[in-house]
Amino acid sequence: MLNSRRLREELLDFIDHGQYFIHIDMTEVDFIDGIALGALVSILRRTKEYGGNVFIIKPRSFIREIFNLTRLNEVFEIR
């Protein structure tokens, strides 16, 4: 299990090493809170600074619904 802080740190490290297109596989994510969503938004902003993007891959239906309710489905590309 990856906590929000560690997720943010690891993804920022990828960006710092030139990885500006981040794919996050959410097939096994069974919980997401506001802190994790905030971390994802932070990562998205950073990638956009370099012309990149964050892709949310295969979220479960209830995770997809959270993205819809928070309107984050409008800023993240969900596949």
N, C-alpha and C. Protein backbone atom coordinates (compact mmCIF):
# COMPACT_ATOMS: atom_id res chain seq x y z
N MET A 1 0.85 -1.17 0.00
CA MET A 1 0.00 0.00 0.00
C MET A 1 0.89 1.24 0.00
N LEU A 2 0.57 2.15 -0.87
CA LEU A 2 1.35 3.37 -1.02
C LEU A 2 0.56 4.53 -0.44
N ASN A 3 1.17 5.26 0.51
CA ASN A 3 0.44 6.40 1.04
C ASN A 3 0.62 7.62 0.15
N SER A 4 -0.19 8.62 0.37
CA SER A 4 -0.22 9.80 -0.51
C SER A 4 1.11 10.52 -0.56
N ARG A 5 1.75 10.64 0.57
CA ARG A 5 3.03 11.35 0.63
C ARG A 5 4.10 10.61 -0.18
N ARG A 6 4.17 9.31 0.01
CA ARG A 6 5.16 8.52 -0.73
C ARG A 6 4.85 8.51 -2.22
N LEU A 7 3.58 8.41 -2.56
CA LEU A 7 3.16 8.47 -3.97
C LEU A 7 3.65 9.76 -4.60
N ARG A 8 3.38 10.87 -3.94
CA ARG A 8 3.78 12.18 -4.46
C ARG A 8 5.30 12.25 -4.63
N GLU A 9 6.04 11.82 -3.61
CA GLU A 9 7.51 11.87 -3.66
C GLU A 9 8.05 11.02 -4.81
N GLU A 10 7.52 9.80 -4.97
CA GLU A 10 8.02 8.92 -6.02
C GLU A 10 7.70 9.46 -7.40
N LEU A 11 6.51 10.01 -7.57
CA LEU A 11 6.15 10.55 -8.88
C LEU A 11 6.91 11.82 -9.19
N LEU A 12 7.16 12.65 -8.19
CA LEU A 12 7.99 13.84 -8.41
C LEU A 12 9.40 13.44 -8.82
N ASP A 13 9.89 12.34 -8.26
CA ASP A 13 11.22 11.85 -8.63
C ASP A 13 11.24 11.43 -10.11
N PHE A 14 10.18 10.77 -10.56
CA PHE A 14 10.08 10.43 -11.99
C PHE A 14 10.14 11.69 -12.85
N ILE A 15 9.39 12.70 -12.45
CA ILE A 15 9.34 13.95 -13.21
C ILE A 15 10.71 14.62 -13.22
N ASP A 16 11.36 14.63 -12.06
CA ASP A 16 12.70 15.21 -11.97
C ASP A 16 13.70 14.50 -12.87
N HIS A 17 13.41 13.26 -13.23
CA HIS A 17 14.30 12.49 -14.11
C HIS A 17 13.77 12.44 -15.55
N GLY A 18 12.89 13.39 -15.89
CA GLY A 18 12.47 13.54 -17.28
C GLY A 18 11.27 12.73 -17.71
N GLN A 19 10.57 12.09 -16.77
CA GLN A 19 9.37 11.34 -17.10
C GLN A 19 8.16 12.27 -16.95
N TYR A 20 7.70 12.85 -18.05
CA TYR A 20 6.63 13.85 -17.99
C TYR A 20 5.26 13.29 -18.33
N PHE A 21 5.21 12.04 -18.75
CA PHE A 21 3.94 11.38 -19.02
C PHE A 21 3.83 10.21 -18.04
N ILE A 22 2.93 10.35 -17.09
CA ILE A 22 2.80 9.39 -16.00
C ILE A 22 1.50 8.60 -16.19
N HIS A 23 1.61 7.28 -16.16
CA HIS A 23 0.45 6.39 -16.23
C HIS A 23 0.29 5.74 -14.86
N ILE A 24 -0.86 5.94 -14.25
CA ILE A 24 -1.11 5.38 -12.92
C ILE A 24 -2.18 4.30 -13.04
N ASP A 25 -1.76 3.06 -12.86
CA ASP A 25 -2.66 1.92 -12.92
C ASP A 25 -3.43 1.84 -11.60
N MET A 26 -4.74 2.00 -11.67
CA MET A 26 -5.56 2.02 -10.47
C MET A 26 -6.45 0.78 -10.34
N THR A 27 -6.09 -0.28 -11.04
CA THR A 27 -6.93 -1.49 -11.01
C THR A 27 -7.07 -2.08 -9.62
N GLU A 28 -6.07 -1.91 -8.77
CA GLU A 28 -6.12 -2.50 -7.44
C GLU A 28 -6.33 -1.47 -6.33
N VAL A 29 -6.64 -0.24 -6.70
CA VAL A 29 -6.89 0.79 -5.70
C VAL A 29 -8.29 0.60 -5.13
N ASP A 30 -8.36 0.41 -3.81
CA ASP A 30 -9.67 0.21 -3.19
C ASP A 30 -10.06 1.33 -2.23
N PHE A 31 -9.23 2.38 -2.19
CA PHE A 31 -9.54 3.54 -1.35
C PHE A 31 -8.76 4.73 -1.88
N ILE A 32 -9.40 5.88 -1.91
CA ILE A 32 -8.71 7.12 -2.27
C ILE A 32 -9.37 8.24 -1.48
N ASP A 33 -8.55 9.10 -0.90
CA ASP A 33 -9.09 10.21 -0.11
C ASP A 33 -8.66 11.54 -0.71
N GLY A 34 -9.08 12.61 -0.07
CA GLY A 34 -8.77 13.94 -0.55
C GLY A 34 -7.29 14.24 -0.61
N ILE A 35 -6.54 13.68 0.32
CA ILE A 35 -5.10 13.90 0.33
C ILE A 35 -4.46 13.26 -0.91
N ALA A 36 -4.89 12.05 -1.23
CA ALA A 36 -4.37 11.37 -2.42
C ALA A 36 -4.78 12.11 -3.69
N LEU A 37 -6.02 12.59 -3.74
CA LEU A 37 -6.46 13.36 -4.90
C LEU A 37 -5.64 14.63 -5.05
N GLY A 38 -5.35 15.28 -3.92
CA GLY A 38 -4.52 16.48 -3.95
C GLY A 38 -3.12 16.17 -4.45
N ALA A 39 -2.57 15.02 -4.06
CA ALA A 39 -1.25 14.61 -4.53
C ALA A 39 -1.28 14.40 -6.04
N LEU A 40 -2.34 13.78 -6.53
CA LEU A 40 -2.45 13.56 -7.98
C LEU A 40 -2.55 14.87 -8.74
N VAL A 41 -3.30 15.82 -8.20
CA VAL A 41 -3.41 17.14 -8.84
C VAL A 41 -2.06 17.83 -8.85
N SER A 42 -1.32 17.72 -7.76
CA SER A 42 0.01 18.31 -7.68
C SER A 42 0.93 17.73 -8.75
N ILE A 43 0.87 16.42 -8.92
CA ILE A 43 1.68 15.75 -9.93
C ILE A 43 1.25 16.19 -11.33
N LEU A 44 -0.06 16.28 -11.55
CA LEU A 44 -0.56 16.72 -12.84
C LEU A 44 -0.04 18.12 -13.17
N ARG A 45 -0.11 19.03 -12.22
CA ARG A 45 0.38 20.39 -12.46
C ARG A 45 1.85 20.39 -12.85
N ARG A 46 2.63 19.59 -12.14
CA ARG A 46 4.07 19.55 -12.42
C ARG A 46 4.33 18.99 -13.82
N THR A 47 3.63 17.91 -14.20
CA THR A 47 3.86 17.35 -15.53
C THR A 47 3.44 18.34 -16.61
N LYS A 48 2.37 19.08 -16.38
CA LYS A 48 1.88 20.05 -17.36
C LYS A 48 2.91 21.16 -17.58
N GLU A 49 3.68 21.49 -16.55
CA GLU A 49 4.73 22.51 -16.69
C GLU A 49 5.75 22.10 -17.76
N TYR A 50 5.90 20.81 -17.96
CA TYR A 50 6.87 20.29 -18.93
C TYR A 50 6.19 19.75 -20.19
N GLY A 51 4.91 20.06 -20.37
CA GLY A 51 4.18 19.59 -21.53
C GLY A 51 3.73 18.14 -21.43
N GLY A 52 3.74 17.59 -20.23
CA GLY A 52 3.36 16.20 -20.01
C GLY A 52 1.91 16.05 -19.57
N ASN A 53 1.61 14.88 -19.02
CA ASN A 53 0.26 14.60 -18.58
C ASN A 53 0.27 13.41 -17.63
N VAL A 54 -0.83 13.26 -16.90
CA VAL A 54 -1.04 12.11 -16.02
C VAL A 54 -2.25 11.36 -16.55
N PHE A 55 -2.09 10.06 -16.71
CA PHE A 55 -3.16 9.21 -17.20
C PHE A 55 -3.59 8.27 -16.07
N ILE A 56 -4.87 8.24 -15.79
CA ILE A 56 -5.43 7.34 -14.79
C ILE A 56 -5.91 6.11 -15.55
N ILE A 57 -5.34 4.96 -15.24
CA ILE A 57 -5.60 3.74 -15.99
C ILE A 57 -6.49 2.78 -15.19
N LYS A 58 -7.57 2.36 -15.80
CA LYS A 58 -8.49 1.34 -15.29
C LYS A 58 -8.92 1.51 -13.84
N PRO A 59 -9.45 2.68 -13.48
CA PRO A 59 -9.95 2.81 -12.11
C PRO A 59 -11.22 1.98 -11.93
N ARG A 60 -11.42 1.47 -10.75
CA ARG A 60 -12.66 0.75 -10.43
C ARG A 60 -13.81 1.74 -10.52
N SER A 61 -15.00 1.23 -10.63
CA SER A 61 -16.17 2.09 -10.85
C SER A 61 -16.35 3.13 -9.74
N PHE A 62 -16.14 2.75 -8.47
CA PHE A 62 -16.33 3.72 -7.39
C PHE A 62 -15.23 4.77 -7.38
N ILE A 63 -14.03 4.43 -7.84
CA ILE A 63 -12.95 5.42 -7.96
C ILE A 63 -13.28 6.37 -9.10
N ARG A 64 -13.76 5.83 -10.20
CA ARG A 64 -14.18 6.66 -11.33
C ARG A 64 -15.29 7.63 -10.89
N GLU A 65 -16.20 7.15 -10.05
CA GLU A 65 -17.29 8.00 -9.56
C GLU A 65 -16.74 9.14 -8.69
N ILE A 66 -15.72 8.88 -7.90
CA ILE A 66 -15.09 9.94 -7.09
C ILE A 66 -14.49 10.99 -8.01
N PHE A 67 -13.82 10.55 -9.07
CA PHE A 67 -13.28 11.51 -10.05
C PHE A 67 -14.41 12.32 -10.68
N ASN A 68 -15.52 11.67 -10.97
CA ASN A 68 -16.67 12.38 -11.56
C ASN A 68 -17.26 13.39 -10.58
N LEU A 69 -17.46 12.97 -9.32
CA LEU A 69 -18.06 13.85 -8.32
C LEU A 69 -17.20 15.07 -8.03
N THR A 70 -15.90 14.88 -8.05
CA THR A 70 -14.97 15.99 -7.78
C THR A 70 -14.62 16.76 -9.04
N ARG A 71 -15.16 16.29 -10.16
CA ARG A 71 -14.92 16.87 -11.49
C ARG A 71 -13.46 16.75 -11.93
N LEU A 72 -12.73 15.90 -11.28
CA LEU A 72 -11.34 15.66 -11.70
C LEU A 72 -11.29 14.87 -13.00
N ASN A 73 -12.40 14.26 -13.37
CA ASN A 73 -12.46 13.59 -14.66
C ASN A 73 -12.32 14.59 -15.80
N GLU A 74 -12.50 15.87 -15.50
CA GLU A 74 -12.35 16.91 -16.51
C GLU A 74 -10.91 17.37 -16.69
N VAL A 75 -10.04 17.04 -15.74
CA VAL A 75 -8.64 17.45 -15.84
C VAL A 75 -7.68 16.28 -16.04
N PHE A 76 -8.09 15.09 -15.64
CA PHE A 76 -7.27 13.90 -15.85
C PHE A 76 -7.81 13.13 -17.04
N GLU A 77 -6.90 12.51 -17.77
CA GLU A 77 -7.32 11.61 -18.83
C GLU A 77 -7.48 10.23 -18.19
N ILE A 78 -8.71 9.73 -18.20
CA ILE A 78 -9.01 8.45 -17.57
C ILE A 78 -9.23 7.42 -18.67
N ARG A 79 -8.48 6.36 -18.60
CA ARG A 79 -8.55 5.30 -19.62
C ARG A 79 -8.99 3.99 -19.02
